Amino acid sequence: MALGLTGFCSCSNAQSGKAKTQEKSKAATCSHCGKTSCSKDCSAGASTTKTLPSCSLNENEFAEHSDTLSKTIFSKAKAITPLKTGYDIVFNEPKEFLLQLVEMVNFERSCCSGFTWALVFDPNNGATHLQVYGSKNVKDEMRNAFKSFGIDHLVK
């Protein structure tokens, strides 16, 4: 939720796994300092402005990623329930949707490495729950991500 929850991967399915990994690594590190999180001393300057504090994507990368996620993964969210230190996002999609969720989580783990991710499956191929939680600031960051995805109205 780059949580960044942003990140839900927009990579082409035609790419090899190695190419996807390299592309994700590049997106998650600064081209100026090589770190996943820039300090004030980084020469990238304004281009490393962060939309969410724990997200390593810069403002432009975040905006692009957020747009992709809002049109793909999060356009399918049915409900969002607050947890103690995060949120439970519910999807009622066919089981094939799991592959998209796993790909998104793998990307998010690199750009929002401080978040904890869990997938929970209801019995009899029922709903799929994406749970994201972590530090005390996670809920605020996620709430901002939900706003950027246009799904903050789903929070119960």
Protein backbone atom coordinates (compact mmCIF):
# COMPACT_ATOMS: atom_id res chain seq x y z
CA MET A 1 0.00 0.00 0.00
CA ALA A 2 3.59 1.43 -0.41
CA LEU A 3 2.28 1.32 1.91
CA GLY A 4 3.32 1.98 0.37
CA LEU A 5 0.86 -0.44 -1.19
CA THR A 6 1.98 1.03 -4.28
CA GLY A 7 3.99 -1.27 -6.18
CA PHE A 8 1.56 -3.65 -7.34
CA CYS A 9 3.66 -4.68 -10.17
CA SER A 10 3.01 -3.32 -13.64
CA CYS A 11 5.69 -5.52 -15.17
CA SER A 12 4.93 -7.28 -18.44
CA ASN A 13 4.05 -10.96 -18.11
CA ALA A 14 6.40 -11.66 -21.01
CA GLN A 15 9.46 -10.78 -18.94
CA SER A 16 11.52 -13.53 -17.41
CA GLY A 17 11.55 -13.88 -13.65
CA LYS A 18 15.15 -12.61 -13.54
CA ALA A 19 14.25 -9.54 -15.60
CA LYS A 20 11.28 -8.83 -13.33
CA THR A 21 13.49 -9.10 -10.26
CA GLN A 22 16.06 -6.73 -11.77
CA GLU A 23 13.34 -4.25 -12.77
CA LYS A 24 11.80 -4.34 -9.30
CA SER A 25 15.22 -3.87 -7.70
CA LYS A 26 15.90 -0.84 -9.85
CA ALA A 27 12.53 0.68 -8.94
CA ALA A 28 13.22 0.16 -5.26
CA THR A 29 16.69 1.76 -5.17
CA CYS A 30 17.74 5.33 -5.79
CA SER A 31 19.65 5.87 -9.01
CA HIS A 32 21.78 8.52 -7.28
CA CYS A 33 22.81 6.93 -3.98
CA GLY A 34 21.85 3.28 -4.58
CA LYS A 35 19.99 3.02 -1.29
CA THR A 36 16.39 1.93 -0.82
CA SER A 37 15.72 5.00 1.31
CA CYS A 38 17.42 8.34 0.59
CA SER A 39 18.65 10.74 3.22
CA LYS A 40 18.58 14.54 2.95
CA ASP A 41 22.15 14.31 1.62
CA CYS A 42 21.19 12.34 -1.51
CA SER A 43 21.96 14.23 -4.74
CA ALA A 44 18.64 13.20 -6.27
CA GLY A 45 17.08 16.20 -4.51
CA ALA A 46 13.41 16.79 -5.26
CA SER A 47 13.13 13.68 -7.42
CA THR A 48 13.29 11.52 -4.29
CA THR A 49 10.36 13.21 -2.59
CA LYS A 50 8.40 10.50 -0.86
CA THR A 51 4.64 10.35 -0.86
CA LEU A 52 4.63 7.87 2.04
CA PRO A 53 7.48 7.85 4.59
CA SER A 54 8.20 4.12 4.51
CA CYS A 55 8.03 3.79 0.71
CA SER A 56 11.31 3.85 -1.20
CA LEU A 57 9.67 4.94 -4.46
CA ASN A 58 10.12 8.58 -5.44
CA GLU A 59 7.13 10.81 -6.13
CA ASN A 60 6.94 9.99 -9.87
CA GLU A 61 7.38 6.25 -9.37
CA PHE A 62 4.79 6.28 -6.60
CA ALA A 63 2.28 8.17 -8.75
CA GLU A 64 2.70 5.71 -11.63
CA HIS A 65 2.55 2.70 -9.37
CA SER A 66 -0.45 4.05 -7.48
CA ASP A 67 -2.30 4.61 -10.75
CA THR A 68 -1.57 1.04 -11.86
CA LEU A 69 -2.69 -0.41 -8.54
CA SER A 70 -5.88 1.62 -8.39
CA LYS A 71 -6.84 0.34 -11.87
CA THR A 72 -5.91 -3.29 -11.24
CA ILE A 73 -5.65 -4.81 -7.76
CA PHE A 74 -7.49 -2.23 -5.70
CA SER A 75 -10.33 -1.69 -8.14
CA LYS A 76 -11.39 -5.20 -7.07
CA ALA A 77 -11.39 -4.57 -3.32
CA LYS A 78 -14.80 -5.16 -1.70
CA ALA A 79 -14.19 -4.08 1.89
CA ILE A 80 -11.44 -2.81 4.17
CA THR A 81 -11.49 -3.57 7.88
CA PRO A 82 -9.11 -1.89 10.33
CA LEU A 83 -6.81 -4.15 12.33
CA LYS A 84 -4.88 -3.09 15.43
CA THR A 85 -1.81 -1.97 13.43
CA GLY A 86 -3.02 -2.24 9.83
CA TYR A 87 -5.88 -3.26 7.58
CA ASP A 88 -7.61 -6.32 6.15
CA ILE A 89 -8.54 -5.81 2.49
CA VAL A 90 -11.17 -8.23 1.16
CA PHE A 91 -11.42 -9.45 -2.44
CA ASN A 92 -14.10 -11.74 -3.88
CA GLU A 93 -12.23 -12.71 -7.02
CA PRO A 94 -11.59 -16.09 -8.67
CA LYS A 95 -8.69 -18.04 -7.23
CA GLU A 96 -6.56 -17.04 -10.24
CA PHE A 97 -6.50 -13.50 -8.78
CA LEU A 98 -4.11 -14.86 -6.14
CA LEU A 99 -1.25 -14.72 -8.65
CA GLN A 100 -1.74 -10.97 -9.08
CA LEU A 101 -1.83 -10.48 -5.32
CA VAL A 102 1.35 -12.48 -4.78
CA GLU A 103 3.16 -10.55 -7.52
CA MET A 104 2.04 -7.29 -5.95
CA VAL A 105 3.14 -8.35 -2.46
CA ASN A 106 6.55 -9.39 -3.80
CA PHE A 107 7.02 -5.94 -5.33
CA GLU A 108 5.75 -4.18 -2.22
CA ARG A 109 8.14 -6.12 -0.01
CA SER A 110 11.03 -4.42 -1.81
CA CYS A 111 9.72 -0.84 -1.76
CA CYS A 112 7.86 -0.99 1.57
CA SER A 113 10.10 -3.37 3.43
CA GLY A 114 8.85 -2.33 6.88
CA PHE A 115 5.34 -3.68 6.32
CA THR A 116 4.10 -7.15 7.21
CA TRP A 117 2.00 -8.89 4.53
CA ALA A 118 -0.41 -11.80 4.89
CA LEU A 119 -2.85 -13.55 2.57
CA VAL A 120 -5.79 -15.31 4.23
CA PHE A 121 -8.26 -17.50 2.37
CA ASP A 122 -11.83 -18.16 3.46
CA PRO A 123 -13.05 -21.79 3.21
CA ASN A 124 -14.66 -23.19 0.05
CA ASN A 125 -12.87 -20.73 -2.28
CA GLY A 126 -14.51 -17.78 -0.53
CA ALA A 127 -13.02 -14.34 -0.14
CA THR A 128 -9.29 -13.62 -0.16
CA HIS A 129 -7.95 -11.25 2.48
CA LEU A 130 -4.83 -9.17 2.01
CA GLN A 131 -3.65 -8.07 5.43
CA VAL A 132 -1.04 -5.36 5.76
CA TYR A 133 0.28 -4.21 9.11
CA GLY A 134 3.41 -3.17 10.95
CA SER A 135 4.51 -0.14 12.95
CA LYS A 136 2.23 2.39 14.61
CA ASN A 137 2.50 4.63 11.53
CA VAL A 138 1.33 1.94 9.09
CA LYS A 139 -2.36 2.71 9.50
CA ASP A 140 -1.89 6.38 8.65
CA GLU A 141 0.27 5.57 5.65
CA MET A 142 -2.16 2.96 4.42
CA ARG A 143 -5.09 5.32 4.85
CA ASN A 144 -3.23 7.79 2.59
CA ALA A 145 -2.59 5.02 0.09
CA PHE A 146 -6.31 4.10 0.10
CA LYS A 147 -7.10 7.73 -0.70
CA SER A 148 -4.65 7.71 -3.60
CA PHE A 149 -6.26 4.48 -4.88
CA GLY A 150 -9.74 5.98 -4.53
CA ILE A 151 -10.92 3.25 -2.14
CA ASP A 152 -10.93 5.02 1.24
CA HIS A 153 -14.75 4.82 1.18
CA LEU A 154 -14.43 1.02 1.68
CA VAL A 155 -12.89 1.37 5.15
CA LYS A 156 -15.42 0.22 7.76
